[in-house]
């Protein structure tokens, strides 16, 4: 249980920092001349859309995990940890292939503010955080309360983190090599999933 919560916490924090979801909002805001208040409001709306789709998929996977735990004796202790490890290896492999899912600001720039917001919301809804979904699957074996904890924690950290970073970057208070940070996040994500899988296997 501790391993699941710790792993999902790390993934949530990492996901809030990675700029591929919120940096395009800042770029568009500057181009369109939005105020900080407008930018934060739009970030909240698009972030909520992103969180909703992620949690919906997570709950469905959690239900599957719960059913599998009821029918497969070794699911929570062997199969689920193995899935986490395999998923972790997949993300590390994707890191070296340099394939990342991100919003392209050129694709979502439109003529009107309403169409920009609509494009952002749709793009965010259809780009759920797949890294956290494995934890919903594992949490399903523990019960609804564990899925609820992960859903609430992930949602709060993601939206809050997006708002904090948008405010910081909008005001130009911090300049980082965002591409490098996003690129290296794949390894951190993969290692976190693998470590959680190993811990879940040995702690029963």
Protein backbone atom coordinates (compact mmCIF):
# COMPACT_ATOMS: atom_id res chain seq x y z
CA UNK A 1 0.00 0.00 0.00
CA UNK A 2 2.81 2.41 0.90
CA UNK A 3 4.58 1.56 -2.34
CA UNK A 4 1.46 2.31 -4.39
CA UNK A 5 0.86 5.66 -2.67
CA UNK A 6 4.51 6.70 -2.88
CA UNK A 7 4.80 5.75 -6.52
CA UNK A 8 1.58 7.51 -7.50
CA UNK A 9 2.69 10.59 -5.53
CA UNK A 10 6.00 10.74 -7.41
CA UNK A 11 4.29 10.27 -10.78
CA UNK A 12 1.74 12.97 -9.92
CA UNK A 13 4.45 15.44 -8.91
CA UNK A 14 6.50 14.64 -11.98
CA UNK A 15 3.47 14.98 -14.21
CA UNK A 16 2.70 18.42 -12.76
CA UNK A 17 6.24 19.61 -13.54
CA UNK A 18 6.57 18.24 -17.08
CA UNK A 19 5.83 21.20 -19.39
CA UNK A 20 4.21 19.36 -22.31
CA UNK A 21 0.68 20.10 -21.06
CA UNK A 22 0.91 23.60 -19.60
CA UNK A 23 3.77 25.31 -21.47
CA UNK A 24 1.75 25.63 -24.71
CA UNK A 25 -0.91 27.49 -22.73
CA UNK A 26 1.70 30.06 -21.65
CA UNK A 27 3.02 30.37 -25.20
CA UNK A 28 -0.47 30.97 -26.59
CA UNK A 29 -1.32 33.37 -23.75
CA UNK A 30 1.66 35.53 -24.58
CA UNK A 31 0.88 35.47 -28.29
CA UNK A 32 -2.78 36.34 -27.73
CA UNK A 33 -2.07 38.91 -25.01
CA UNK A 34 -4.00 37.16 -22.23
CA UNK A 35 -3.63 38.44 -18.70
CA UNK A 36 -2.23 36.20 -15.98
CA UNK A 37 -5.72 35.79 -14.50
CA UNK A 38 -7.12 34.69 -17.88
CA UNK A 39 -4.21 32.33 -18.43
CA UNK A 40 -4.65 30.70 -15.01
CA UNK A 41 -8.39 30.32 -15.59
CA UNK A 42 -7.85 28.63 -18.95
CA UNK A 43 -5.13 26.46 -17.45
CA UNK A 44 -7.58 25.33 -14.76
CA UNK A 45 -10.22 24.44 -17.35
CA UNK A 46 -7.84 22.49 -19.59
CA UNK A 47 -6.19 20.84 -16.57
CA UNK A 48 -9.57 19.73 -15.24
CA UNK A 49 -10.40 18.23 -18.64
CA UNK A 50 -7.10 16.32 -18.56
CA UNK A 51 -7.69 15.07 -15.02
CA UNK A 52 -11.25 13.94 -15.78
CA UNK A 53 -10.25 11.68 -18.66
CA UNK A 54 -7.32 10.28 -16.68
CA UNK A 55 -9.46 9.46 -13.64
CA UNK A 56 -12.23 7.91 -15.77
CA UNK A 57 -9.74 5.53 -17.38
CA UNK A 58 -8.14 4.93 -13.98
CA UNK A 59 -11.44 3.96 -12.35
CA UNK A 60 -12.21 1.54 -15.18
CA UNK A 61 -8.79 -0.04 -14.77
CA UNK A 62 -9.28 -0.10 -11.00
CA UNK A 63 -12.53 -2.03 -11.44
CA UNK A 64 -10.70 -4.49 -13.67
CA UNK A 65 -7.97 -4.79 -11.05
CA UNK A 66 -10.55 -5.46 -8.35
CA UNK A 67 -12.20 -8.18 -10.44
CA UNK A 68 -8.87 -9.79 -11.25
CA UNK A 69 -7.88 -9.74 -7.58
CA UNK A 70 -11.10 -11.59 -6.72
CA UNK A 71 -10.47 -14.29 -9.33
CA UNK A 72 -6.69 -14.49 -9.47
CA UNK A 73 -5.05 -15.21 -6.14
CA UNK A 74 -1.63 -13.92 -7.20
CA UNK A 75 -2.80 -10.77 -9.00
CA UNK A 76 -1.97 -8.20 -6.31
CA UNK A 77 1.33 -9.83 -5.35
CA UNK A 78 2.72 -11.12 -8.65
CA UNK A 79 0.81 -10.07 -11.79
CA UNK A 80 0.21 -6.39 -10.96
CA UNK A 81 3.82 -5.72 -9.82
CA UNK A 82 5.05 -7.46 -12.96
CA UNK A 83 2.85 -5.17 -15.06
CA UNK A 84 4.32 -2.14 -13.31
CA UNK A 85 7.86 -3.32 -14.02
CA UNK A 86 7.06 -4.01 -17.68
CA UNK A 87 5.41 -0.62 -18.04
CA UNK A 88 8.42 1.01 -16.44
CA UNK A 89 10.72 -0.69 -18.93
CA UNK A 90 8.44 0.50 -21.73
CA UNK A 91 8.71 4.15 -20.66
CA UNK A 92 12.49 3.89 -20.40
CA UNK A 93 12.58 2.38 -23.89
CA UNK A 94 10.37 5.21 -25.16
CA UNK A 95 12.79 7.68 -23.60
CA UNK A 96 15.64 6.40 -25.72
CA UNK A 97 13.42 6.35 -28.81
CA UNK A 98 12.62 9.97 -27.96
CA UNK A 99 8.88 9.63 -28.52
CA UNK A 100 6.85 11.98 -26.34
CA UNK A 101 3.20 12.90 -26.37
CA UNK A 102 2.70 16.65 -26.19
CA UNK A 103 0.48 19.46 -27.26
CA UNK A 104 1.63 21.35 -30.33
CA UNK A 105 0.78 25.01 -29.89
CA UNK A 106 0.77 25.51 -33.64
CA UNK A 107 -2.01 22.92 -33.96
CA UNK A 108 -4.26 24.52 -31.36
CA UNK A 109 -3.82 28.17 -32.23
CA UNK A 110 -7.08 29.47 -33.70
CA UNK A 111 -8.52 32.84 -34.64
CA UNK A 112 -10.88 33.29 -31.70
CA UNK A 113 -10.34 32.90 -27.97
CA UNK A 114 -13.29 30.52 -27.67
CA UNK A 115 -11.87 28.20 -30.33
CA UNK A 116 -8.45 28.26 -28.65
CA UNK A 117 -9.95 27.24 -25.31
CA UNK A 118 -12.07 24.55 -26.97
CA UNK A 119 -9.02 23.15 -28.77
CA UNK A 120 -7.01 23.11 -25.54
CA UNK A 121 -9.78 21.35 -23.60
CA UNK A 122 -10.26 18.72 -26.31
CA UNK A 123 -6.52 18.15 -26.71
CA UNK A 124 -6.06 17.77 -22.95
CA UNK A 125 -9.03 15.43 -22.60
CA UNK A 126 -7.66 13.11 -25.26
CA UNK A 127 -4.14 13.05 -23.79
CA UNK A 128 -4.67 11.38 -20.38
CA UNK A 129 -1.73 10.61 -18.12
CA UNK A 130 -1.08 6.94 -18.93
CA UNK A 131 1.75 6.69 -16.39
CA UNK A 132 -0.63 6.96 -13.41
CA UNK A 133 -3.12 4.43 -14.82
CA UNK A 134 -1.00 1.48 -13.73
CA UNK A 135 -1.41 2.60 -10.13
CA UNK A 136 -5.18 2.65 -10.47
CA UNK A 137 -5.01 -0.94 -11.72
CA UNK A 138 -2.91 -1.94 -8.72
CA UNK A 139 -5.07 0.09 -6.32
CA UNK A 140 -8.18 -1.69 -7.56
CA UNK A 141 -6.98 -4.83 -5.82
CA UNK A 142 -6.93 -2.89 -2.53
CA UNK A 143 -10.43 -1.46 -2.80
CA UNK A 144 -12.34 1.68 -3.71
CA UNK A 145 -10.80 3.75 -0.92
CA UNK A 146 -7.32 3.34 -2.42
CA UNK A 147 -8.54 4.32 -5.88
CA UNK A 148 -10.23 7.38 -4.37
CA UNK A 149 -7.05 8.44 -2.59
CA UNK A 150 -5.00 8.18 -5.78
CA UNK A 151 -7.66 10.01 -7.84
CA UNK A 152 -7.89 12.90 -5.35
CA UNK A 153 -4.13 13.14 -4.88
CA UNK A 154 -3.39 13.01 -8.60
CA UNK A 155 -6.08 15.57 -9.46
CA UNK A 156 -5.04 18.05 -6.78
CA UNK A 157 -1.31 17.83 -7.51
CA UNK A 158 -1.76 18.00 -11.29
CA UNK A 159 -4.01 21.06 -11.40
CA UNK A 160 -2.21 22.86 -8.58
CA UNK A 161 1.17 22.12 -10.14
CA UNK A 162 0.03 23.39 -13.55
CA UNK A 163 -1.22 26.64 -12.03
CA UNK A 164 1.98 27.20 -10.05
CA UNK A 165 4.26 26.61 -13.03
CA UNK A 166 2.13 28.71 -15.38
CA UNK A 167 2.32 31.60 -12.92
CA UNK A 168 6.10 31.22 -12.54
CA UNK A 169 6.81 30.95 -16.27
CA UNK A 170 4.30 33.64 -17.24
CA UNK A 171 6.09 36.12 -14.98
CA UNK A 172 9.48 34.98 -16.28
CA UNK A 173 10.69 34.11 -12.78
CA UNK A 174 12.44 30.94 -13.90
CA UNK A 175 14.12 29.90 -17.12
CA UNK A 176 14.94 26.23 -17.65
CA UNK A 177 15.73 23.93 -20.53
CA UNK A 178 12.18 22.57 -20.66
CA UNK A 179 12.91 20.18 -23.52
CA UNK A 180 15.69 18.49 -21.58
CA UNK A 181 13.49 18.25 -18.47
CA UNK A 182 10.66 16.68 -20.44
CA UNK A 183 13.06 14.31 -22.17
CA UNK A 184 14.63 13.02 -18.92
CA UNK A 185 11.22 12.62 -17.27
CA UNK A 186 10.79 9.35 -19.18
CA UNK A 187 13.62 7.70 -17.26
CA UNK A 188 12.33 8.98 -13.90
CA UNK A 189 8.84 7.72 -14.70
CA UNK A 190 10.12 4.33 -15.80
CA UNK A 191 12.33 3.87 -12.74
CA UNK A 192 9.49 4.89 -10.42
CA UNK A 193 7.17 2.29 -11.96
CA UNK A 194 9.85 -0.41 -11.75
CA UNK A 195 10.69 0.42 -8.13
CA UNK A 196 7.00 0.38 -7.17
CA UNK A 197 6.61 -3.01 -8.83
CA UNK A 198 9.58 -4.43 -6.95
CA UNK A 199 8.39 -3.02 -3.61
CA UNK A 200 4.84 -4.31 -4.20
CA UNK A 201 6.20 -7.76 -4.95
CA UNK A 202 8.17 -8.08 -1.71
CA UNK A 203 5.80 -6.23 0.64
CA UNK A 204 2.54 -8.11 1.14
